Amino acid sequence: MTTFLLLPGLFMGGWAWEAVAAELTAQGHRALPVTLPGMAERSGEDPAGIGLGEHTDAVSELLDTAGPGIVLVAHSYAVFPALAAADRRPGQVSRVVFVDTGFPEPGESLVAQMPQLGLLERAVGGVIPVPEEIPAVHAVPSAELERYHRLATPQPVRTVTEPVELTGAWLKLPTTGVFCRANGLSLEFARTLHGTGLPRFAKLAEPGVTFFELATGHYPMLSAPVELADVLVRAAAGEGRGLYEG
């Protein structure tokens, strides 16, 4: 049995992982969907007072109580608190799985890494409103779209502006990247990044680093939960392709 700690991306809570968690449980594993402070059913907390530090603390506490041997799964934004927590508690984590996301450098924030998202331009009163739509390219079924718009909550601004604190301890952990091709990420793109020779991309080709590709868009937990669950189980077993395999 493997324990999966499932962290959602921007605007989402643990509800986004329900179908994936059900499939993992059906396969005999332990699945723990996470709602970070200030989000979803925890939205009663003052979101303006929540930052990346509070999200990192929350994940660190979960690693303490649920580990060791956790497969830490981070979708999109969640890679920031996931890596910061894994960096603090590397002995609790057996593998980090990145779902359609890259990884930050020490001292980097989400808005610094991805200014093209325009998150700060949309911010109002310390939070970023939920986007009005998910583009069709992401293949989210209509029922899941309705659920997303019903349950999604504004994102605290400080979670995307605070710099991530990393010592480099996480770099020694096995990792798996799950690329969602309809969103533009792929093994080919990762090879291009590695080919730049920049130190930040060196880990992509290291032993213990594997990759999977899914044909869907940026929200595979909503659009392809069974396929994603299967990939997570395979990732936990060390399966997947190396950067230059195949």
C-alpha atoms as a PDB file:
ATOM      1  CA  MET A   1       0.000   0.000   0.000  1.00  0.00           C
ATOM      2  CA  THR A   2       1.255   3.465  -0.927  1.00  0.00           C
ATOM      3  CA  THR A   3       0.187   6.732   0.674  1.00  0.00           C
ATOM      4  CA  PHE A   4      -0.480   9.518  -1.818  1.00  0.00           C
ATOM      5  CA  LEU A   5      -0.703  13.096  -0.587  1.00  0.00           C
ATOM      6  CA  LEU A   6      -2.627  14.983  -3.287  1.00  0.00           C
ATOM      7  CA  LEU A   7      -2.141  18.758  -3.492  1.00  0.00           C
ATOM      8  CA  PRO A   8      -4.374  20.853  -5.797  1.00  0.00           C
ATOM      9  CA  GLY A   9      -3.442  23.831  -7.939  1.00  0.00           C
ATOM     10  CA  LEU A  10      -4.783  27.369  -7.923  1.00  0.00           C
ATOM     11  CA  PHE A  11      -8.375  27.987  -6.782  1.00  0.00           C
ATOM     12  CA  MET A  12      -9.009  24.331  -5.869  1.00  0.00           C
ATOM     13  CA  GLY A  13      -9.338  22.252  -2.723  1.00  0.00           C
ATOM     14  CA  GLY A  14      -9.158  18.564  -1.971  1.00  0.00           C
ATOM     15  CA  TRP A  15     -12.494  18.153  -3.776  1.00  0.00           C
ATOM     16  CA  ALA A  16     -10.632  18.292  -7.089  1.00  0.00           C
ATOM     17  CA  TRP A  17      -8.924  14.974  -6.301  1.00  0.00           C
ATOM     18  CA  GLU A  18     -12.032  13.017  -5.245  1.00  0.00           C
ATOM     19  CA  ALA A  19     -12.271  10.807  -8.364  1.00  0.00           C
ATOM     20  CA  VAL A  20      -8.524  10.130  -8.393  1.00  0.00           C
ATOM     21  CA  ALA A  21      -8.575   9.327  -4.676  1.00  0.00           C
ATOM     22  CA  ALA A  22     -11.483   6.922  -5.170  1.00  0.00           C
ATOM     23  CA  GLU A  23      -9.565   5.070  -7.878  1.00  0.00           C
ATOM     24  CA  LEU A  24      -6.387   4.904  -5.803  1.00  0.00           C
ATOM     25  CA  THR A  25      -8.370   3.586  -2.844  1.00  0.00           C
ATOM     26  CA  ALA A  26     -10.042   0.987  -5.050  1.00  0.00           C
ATOM     27  CA  GLN A  27      -6.574  -0.208  -6.021  1.00  0.00           C
ATOM     28  CA  GLY A  28      -5.658  -0.691  -2.372  1.00  0.00           C
ATOM     29  CA  HIS A  29      -3.769   2.507  -1.683  1.00  0.00           C
ATOM     30  CA  ARG A  30      -4.195   5.350   0.794  1.00  0.00           C
ATOM     31  CA  ALA A  31      -5.157   8.654  -0.803  1.00  0.00           C
ATOM     32  CA  LEU A  32      -5.165  11.931   1.112  1.00  0.00           C
ATOM     33  CA  PRO A  33      -6.607  14.872  -0.868  1.00  0.00           C
ATOM     34  CA  VAL A  34      -5.484  18.146   0.675  1.00  0.00           C
ATOM     35  CA  THR A  35      -7.271  21.466   1.062  1.00  0.00           C
ATOM     36  CA  LEU A  36      -4.682  24.120   1.809  1.00  0.00           C
ATOM     37  CA  PRO A  37      -5.361  26.980   4.258  1.00  0.00           C
ATOM     38  CA  GLY A  38      -7.719  29.653   2.974  1.00  0.00           C
ATOM     39  CA  MET A  39      -9.165  27.464   0.235  1.00  0.00           C
ATOM     40  CA  ALA A  40     -12.449  25.651  -0.444  1.00  0.00           C
ATOM     41  CA  GLU A  41     -14.086  24.352   2.726  1.00  0.00           C
ATOM     42  CA  ARG A  42     -11.391  26.214   4.674  1.00  0.00           C
ATOM     43  CA  SER A  43     -12.308  29.513   3.036  1.00  0.00           C
ATOM     44  CA  GLY A  44     -13.619  30.849   6.362  1.00  0.00           C
ATOM     45  CA  GLU A  45      -9.988  31.623   7.161  1.00  0.00           C
ATOM     46  CA  ASP A  46      -8.946  35.154   6.205  1.00  0.00           C
ATOM     47  CA  PRO A  47      -7.359  34.608   2.773  1.00  0.00           C
ATOM     48  CA  ALA A  48      -5.464  37.898   2.922  1.00  0.00           C
ATOM     49  CA  GLY A  49      -3.527  36.469   5.857  1.00  0.00           C
ATOM     50  CA  ILE A  50      -2.550  33.275   4.048  1.00  0.00           C
ATOM     51  CA  GLY A  51       0.709  32.999   2.158  1.00  0.00           C
ATOM     52  CA  LEU A  52       3.033  30.397   0.743  1.00  0.00           C
ATOM     53  CA  GLY A  53       4.548  30.014   4.211  1.00  0.00           C
ATOM     54  CA  GLU A  54       1.217  28.904   5.677  1.00  0.00           C
ATOM     55  CA  HIS A  55       0.691  26.457   2.815  1.00  0.00           C
ATOM     56  CA  THR A  56       4.188  25.056   3.291  1.00  0.00           C
ATOM     57  CA  ASP A  57       3.634  24.666   7.032  1.00  0.00           C
ATOM     58  CA  ALA A  58       0.384  22.796   6.386  1.00  0.00           C
ATOM     59  CA  VAL A  59       2.028  20.353   3.970  1.00  0.00           C
ATOM     60  CA  SER A  60       4.969  19.859   6.331  1.00  0.00           C
ATOM     61  CA  GLU A  61       2.601  18.933   9.150  1.00  0.00           C
ATOM     62  CA  LEU A  62       0.841  16.422   6.903  1.00  0.00           C
ATOM     63  CA  LEU A  63       4.180  14.856   5.978  1.00  0.00           C
ATOM     64  CA  ASP A  64       4.974  14.524   9.672  1.00  0.00           C
ATOM     65  CA  THR A  65       1.700  12.776  10.468  1.00  0.00           C
ATOM     66  CA  ALA A  66       1.259  10.639   7.338  1.00  0.00           C
ATOM     67  CA  GLY A  67       4.841   9.623   6.526  1.00  0.00           C
ATOM     68  CA  PRO A  68       7.319   8.226   5.930  1.00  0.00           C
ATOM     69  CA  GLY A  69       7.158   6.802   2.417  1.00  0.00           C
ATOM     70  CA  ILE A  70       4.688   9.367   1.054  1.00  0.00           C
ATOM     71  CA  VAL A  71       4.265   9.963  -2.653  1.00  0.00           C
ATOM     72  CA  LEU A  72       3.766  13.724  -2.737  1.00  0.00           C
ATOM     73  CA  VAL A  73       1.654  14.735  -5.739  1.00  0.00           C
ATOM     74  CA  ALA A  74       1.585  18.414  -6.716  1.00  0.00           C
ATOM     75  CA  HIS A  75      -0.589  19.925  -9.433  1.00  0.00           C
ATOM     76  CA  SER A  76       0.362  23.280 -10.927  1.00  0.00           C
ATOM     77  CA  TYR A  77       0.882  25.942  -8.199  1.00  0.00           C
ATOM     78  CA  ALA A  78       1.064  23.260  -5.508  1.00  0.00           C
ATOM     79  CA  VAL A  79       4.624  22.452  -6.544  1.00  0.00           C
ATOM     80  CA  PHE A  80       5.694  25.495  -4.490  1.00  0.00           C
ATOM     81  CA  PRO A  81       4.438  24.359  -1.060  1.00  0.00           C
ATOM     82  CA  ALA A  82       5.101  20.711  -1.984  1.00  0.00           C
ATOM     83  CA  LEU A  83       8.793  21.220  -2.710  1.00  0.00           C
ATOM     84  CA  ALA A  84       9.266  23.600   0.205  1.00  0.00           C
ATOM     85  CA  ALA A  85       7.782  20.984   2.547  1.00  0.00           C
ATOM     86  CA  ALA A  86       9.685  18.093   0.961  1.00  0.00           C
ATOM     87  CA  ASP A  87      12.852  20.150   1.303  1.00  0.00           C
ATOM     88  CA  ARG A  88      12.171  20.403   5.047  1.00  0.00           C
ATOM     89  CA  ARG A  89      11.133  16.746   5.437  1.00  0.00           C
ATOM     90  CA  PRO A  90      12.941  14.732   2.726  1.00  0.00           C
ATOM     91  CA  GLY A  91      12.948  11.630   4.911  1.00  0.00           C
ATOM     92  CA  GLN A  92       9.147  11.512   4.823  1.00  0.00           C
ATOM     93  CA  VAL A  93       8.878  11.505   1.018  1.00  0.00           C
ATOM     94  CA  SER A  94       9.562   8.570  -1.295  1.00  0.00           C
ATOM     95  CA  ARG A  95       8.814  10.443  -4.527  1.00  0.00           C
ATOM     96  CA  VAL A  96       7.509  13.805  -5.698  1.00  0.00           C
ATOM     97  CA  VAL A  97       5.138  13.750  -8.669  1.00  0.00           C
ATOM     98  CA  PHE A  98       4.735  16.976 -10.640  1.00  0.00           C
ATOM     99  CA  VAL A  99       1.395  17.103 -12.471  1.00  0.00           C
ATOM    100  CA  ASP A 100       1.637  19.464 -15.461  1.00  0.00           C
ATOM    101  CA  THR A 101       4.082  21.802 -13.803  1.00  0.00           C
ATOM    102  CA  GLY A 102       7.763  22.615 -13.544  1.00  0.00           C
ATOM    103  CA  PHE A 103       9.771  23.314 -10.422  1.00  0.00           C
ATOM    104  CA  PRO A 104      10.947  26.628  -8.974  1.00  0.00           C
ATOM    105  CA  GLU A 105      14.391  27.864  -8.086  1.00  0.00           C
ATOM    106  CA  PRO A 106      15.125  28.963  -4.494  1.00  0.00           C
ATOM    107  CA  GLY A 107      13.672  32.403  -3.853  1.00  0.00           C
ATOM    108  CA  GLU A 108      11.323  32.248  -6.827  1.00  0.00           C
ATOM    109  CA  SER A 109       7.588  32.940  -6.605  1.00  0.00           C
ATOM    110  CA  LEU A 110       4.852  31.756  -8.933  1.00  0.00           C
ATOM    111  CA  VAL A 111       4.312  35.250 -10.346  1.00  0.00           C
ATOM    112  CA  ALA A 112       8.049  35.585 -10.991  1.00  0.00           C
ATOM    113  CA  GLN A 113       8.181  32.168 -12.664  1.00  0.00           C
ATOM    114  CA  MET A 114       5.053  32.684 -14.776  1.00  0.00           C
ATOM    115  CA  PRO A 115       4.323  36.418 -15.221  1.00  0.00           C
ATOM    116  CA  GLN A 116       2.344  35.602 -18.370  1.00  0.00           C
ATOM    117  CA  LEU A 117      -0.526  34.365 -16.190  1.00  0.00           C
ATOM    118  CA  GLY A 118      -1.301  37.949 -15.195  1.00  0.00           C
ATOM    119  CA  LEU A 119      -2.379  36.891 -11.712  1.00  0.00           C
ATOM    120  CA  LEU A 120      -1.566  40.149  -9.933  1.00  0.00           C
ATOM    121  CA  GLU A 121      -3.398  42.223 -12.517  1.00  0.00           C
ATOM    122  CA  ARG A 122      -6.597  40.394 -11.566  1.00  0.00           C
ATOM    123  CA  ALA A 123      -6.138  40.583  -7.799  1.00  0.00           C
ATOM    124  CA  VAL A 124      -8.775  42.326  -5.683  1.00  0.00           C
ATOM    125  CA  GLY A 125      -8.617  42.769  -1.907  1.00  0.00           C
ATOM    126  CA  GLY A 126      -5.791  40.331  -1.295  1.00  0.00           C
ATOM    127  CA  VAL A 127      -7.205  37.493  -3.419  1.00  0.00           C
ATOM    128  CA  ILE A 128      -7.235  36.476  -7.074  1.00  0.00           C
ATOM    129  CA  PRO A 129     -10.774  35.740  -8.336  1.00  0.00           C
ATOM    130  CA  VAL A 130     -11.605  32.358  -9.827  1.00  0.00           C
ATOM    131  CA  PRO A 131     -11.290  32.424 -13.650  1.00  0.00           C
ATOM    132  CA  GLU A 132     -14.611  32.707 -15.437  1.00  0.00           C
ATOM    133  CA  GLU A 133     -13.938  29.687 -17.625  1.00  0.00           C
ATOM    134  CA  ILE A 134     -11.676  26.727 -18.319  1.00  0.00           C
ATOM    135  CA  PRO A 135     -10.867  26.672 -22.050  1.00  0.00           C
ATOM    136  CA  ALA A 136     -12.243  23.728 -24.026  1.00  0.00           C
ATOM    137  CA  VAL A 137      -8.729  22.538 -24.883  1.00  0.00           C
ATOM    138  CA  HIS A 138      -8.450  21.149 -21.357  1.00  0.00           C
ATOM    139  CA  ALA A 139     -11.283  18.665 -22.053  1.00  0.00           C
ATOM    140  CA  VAL A 140     -13.008  19.035 -18.686  1.00  0.00           C
ATOM    141  CA  PRO A 141     -16.466  17.372 -18.886  1.00  0.00           C
ATOM    142  CA  SER A 142     -19.481  19.638 -18.403  1.00  0.00           C
ATOM    143  CA  ALA A 143     -20.401  18.107 -15.043  1.00  0.00           C
ATOM    144  CA  GLU A 144     -16.867  18.697 -13.749  1.00  0.00           C
ATOM    145  CA  LEU A 145     -16.899  22.242 -15.107  1.00  0.00           C
ATOM    146  CA  GLU A 146     -20.070  22.910 -13.166  1.00  0.00           C
ATOM    147  CA  ARG A 147     -18.517  21.442 -10.033  1.00  0.00           C
ATOM    148  CA  TYR A 148     -15.353  23.503 -10.517  1.00  0.00           C
ATOM    149  CA  HIS A 149     -17.299  26.756 -10.731  1.00  0.00           C
ATOM    150  CA  ARG A 150     -19.406  25.784  -7.739  1.00  0.00           C
ATOM    151  CA  LEU A 151     -16.524  24.792  -5.480  1.00  0.00           C
ATOM    152  CA  ALA A 152     -13.496  26.785  -6.619  1.00  0.00           C
ATOM    153  CA  THR A 153     -12.475  29.685  -4.381  1.00  0.00           C
ATOM    154  CA  PRO A 154     -10.290  32.790  -4.816  1.00  0.00           C
ATOM    155  CA  GLN A 155      -6.552  32.313  -4.355  1.00  0.00           C
ATOM    156  CA  PRO A 156      -4.751  34.312  -1.633  1.00  0.00           C
ATOM    157  CA  VAL A 157      -2.339  36.711  -3.334  1.00  0.00           C
ATOM    158  CA  ARG A 158       0.523  36.049  -0.943  1.00  0.00           C
ATOM    159  CA  THR A 159       0.607  32.375  -1.946  1.00  0.00           C
ATOM    160  CA  VAL A 160       1.787  33.400  -5.416  1.00  0.00           C
ATOM    161  CA  THR A 161       4.002  36.361  -4.465  1.00  0.00           C
ATOM    162  CA  GLU A 162       6.015  34.945  -1.551  1.00  0.00           C
ATOM    163  CA  PRO A 163       9.371  33.411  -2.565  1.00  0.00           C
ATOM    164  CA  VAL A 164       9.818  29.700  -1.999  1.00  0.00           C
ATOM    165  CA  GLU A 165      12.435  28.637   0.553  1.00  0.00           C
ATOM    166  CA  LEU A 166      14.563  25.725  -0.689  1.00  0.00           C
ATOM    167  CA  THR A 167      17.902  24.402   0.543  1.00  0.00           C
ATOM    168  CA  GLY A 168      18.277  21.834  -2.237  1.00  0.00           C
ATOM    169  CA  ALA A 169      17.505  18.804  -0.056  1.00  0.00           C
ATOM    170  CA  TRP A 170      14.529  17.941  -2.282  1.00  0.00           C
ATOM    171  CA  LEU A 171      16.838  17.545  -5.298  1.00  0.00           C
ATOM    172  CA  LYS A 172      17.982  14.178  -3.923  1.00  0.00           C
ATOM    173  CA  LEU A 173      14.449  12.774  -4.021  1.00  0.00           C
ATOM    174  CA  PRO A 174      13.140  10.619  -6.890  1.00  0.00           C
ATOM    175  CA  THR A 175      10.693  12.582  -9.006  1.00  0.00           C
ATOM    176  CA  THR A 176       8.169  11.986 -11.773  1.00  0.00           C
ATOM    177  CA  GLY A 177       6.747  14.523 -14.189  1.00  0.00           C
ATOM    178  CA  VAL A 178       3.261  14.037 -15.643  1.00  0.00           C
ATOM    179  CA  PHE A 179       2.953  16.151 -18.783  1.00  0.00           C
ATOM    180  CA  CYS A 180      -0.448  17.103 -20.177  1.00  0.00           C
ATOM    181  CA  ARG A 181       0.157  17.444 -23.882  1.00  0.00           C
ATOM    182  CA  ALA A 182      -2.939  19.505 -24.697  1.00  0.00           C
ATOM    183  CA  ASN A 183      -1.538  22.179 -22.380  1.00  0.00           C
ATOM    184  CA  GLY A 184       1.794  22.264 -24.196  1.00  0.00           C
ATOM    185  CA  LEU A 185       4.036  20.296 -21.851  1.00  0.00           C
ATOM    186  CA  SER A 186       5.737  17.173 -23.184  1.00  0.00           C
ATOM    187  CA  LEU A 187       8.895  15.096 -23.064  1.00  0.00           C
ATOM    188  CA  GLU A 188      10.053  16.899 -26.179  1.00  0.00           C
ATOM    189  CA  PHE A 189       9.689  20.258 -24.443  1.00  0.00           C
ATOM    190  CA  ALA A 190      11.549  18.955 -21.369  1.00  0.00           C
ATOM    191  CA  ARG A 191      14.398  17.783 -23.599  1.00  0.00           C
ATOM    192  CA  THR A 192      14.568  21.262 -25.093  1.00  0.00           C
ATOM    193  CA  LEU A 193      14.826  22.791 -21.625  1.00  0.00           C
ATOM    194  CA  HIS A 194      17.517  20.339 -20.584  1.00  0.00           C
ATOM    195  CA  GLY A 195      19.360  21.031 -23.829  1.00  0.00           C
ATOM    196  CA  THR A 196      19.829  24.679 -22.838  1.00  0.00           C
ATOM    197  CA  GLY A 197      22.428  23.522 -20.323  1.00  0.00           C
ATOM    198  CA  LEU A 198      21.005  25.762 -17.625  1.00  0.00           C
ATOM    199  CA  PRO A 199      21.699  24.335 -14.143  1.00  0.00           C
ATOM    200  CA  ARG A 200      18.032  24.581 -13.108  1.00  0.00           C
ATOM    201  CA  PHE A 201      17.100  21.912 -15.665  1.00  0.00           C
ATOM    202  CA  ALA A 202      19.931  19.469 -14.886  1.00  0.00           C
ATOM    203  CA  LYS A 203      17.733  17.297 -12.660  1.00  0.00           C
ATOM    204  CA  LEU A 204      15.468  16.419 -15.588  1.00  0.00           C
ATOM    205  CA  ALA A 205      17.981  13.852 -16.873  1.00  0.00           C
ATOM    206  CA  GLU A 206      19.163  12.437 -13.546  1.00  0.00           C
ATOM    207  CA  PRO A 207      18.669   8.791 -12.472  1.00  0.00           C
ATOM    208  CA  GLY A 208      15.430   8.275 -10.559  1.00  0.00           C
ATOM    209  CA  VAL A 209      13.622  10.913 -12.611  1.00  0.00           C
ATOM    210  CA  THR A 210      10.810   9.573 -14.792  1.00  0.00           C
ATOM    211  CA  PHE A 211       8.083  10.997 -16.997  1.00  0.00           C
ATOM    212  CA  PHE A 212       4.617  10.211 -18.294  1.00  0.00           C
ATOM    213  CA  GLU A 213       2.495  11.978 -20.895  1.00  0.00           C
ATOM    214  CA  LEU A 214      -1.288  12.302 -20.914  1.00  0.00           C
ATOM    215  CA  ALA A 215      -3.254  13.491 -23.926  1.00  0.00           C
ATOM    216  CA  THR A 216      -5.524  15.721 -21.855  1.00  0.00           C
ATOM    217  CA  GLY A 217      -5.227  19.341 -20.679  1.00  0.00           C
ATOM    218  CA  HIS A 218      -4.114  21.043 -17.479  1.00  0.00           C
ATOM    219  CA  TYR A 219      -6.751  19.496 -15.192  1.00  0.00           C
ATOM    220  CA  PRO A 220      -6.289  15.708 -15.546  1.00  0.00           C
ATOM    221  CA  MET A 221      -7.803  15.070 -12.102  1.00  0.00           C
ATOM    222  CA  LEU A 222     -11.059  16.416 -13.587  1.00  0.00           C
ATOM    223  CA  SER A 223     -10.764  15.253 -17.194  1.00  0.00           C
ATOM    224  CA  ALA A 224      -8.966  11.888 -16.896  1.00  0.00           C
ATOM    225  CA  PRO A 225      -8.995  10.782 -13.230  1.00  0.00           C
ATOM    226  CA  VAL A 226      -8.701   7.034 -13.858  1.00  0.00           C
ATOM    227  CA  GLU A 227      -5.784   7.484 -16.248  1.00  0.00           C
ATOM    228  CA  LEU A 228      -4.094   9.860 -13.816  1.00  0.00           C
ATOM    229  CA  ALA A 229      -4.551   7.457 -10.907  1.00  0.00           C
ATOM    230  CA  ASP A 230      -2.976   4.658 -12.950  1.00  0.00           C
ATOM    231  CA  VAL A 231      -0.024   6.899 -13.774  1.00  0.00           C
ATOM    232  CA  LEU A 232       0.419   7.819 -10.104  1.00  0.00           C
ATOM    233  CA  VAL A 233       0.537   4.152  -9.102  1.00  0.00           C
ATOM    234  CA  ARG A 234       3.103   3.449 -11.807  1.00  0.00           C
ATOM    235  CA  ALA A 235       5.128   6.495 -10.775  1.00  0.00           C
ATOM    236  CA  ALA A 236       5.170   5.303  -7.166  1.00  0.00           C
ATOM    237  CA  ALA A 237       6.669   2.032  -8.421  1.00  0.00           C
ATOM    238  CA  GLY A 238       9.438   3.923 -10.203  1.00  0.00           C
ATOM    239  CA  GLU A 239       8.011   3.396 -13.662  1.00  0.00           C
ATOM    240  CA  GLY A 240       7.990   5.922 -16.484  1.00  0.00           C
ATOM    241  CA  ARG A 241      10.410   7.023 -19.151  1.00  0.00           C
ATOM    242  CA  GLY A 242      13.733   8.703 -18.599  1.00  0.00           C
ATOM    243  CA  LEU A 243      14.203  12.011 -20.366  1.00  0.00           C
ATOM    244  CA  TYR A 244      15.995  10.500 -23.353  1.00  0.00           C
ATOM    245  CA  GLU A 245      14.369   7.071 -23.400  1.00  0.00           C
ATOM    246  CA  GLY A 246      12.235   6.155 -26.417  1.00  0.00           C
END
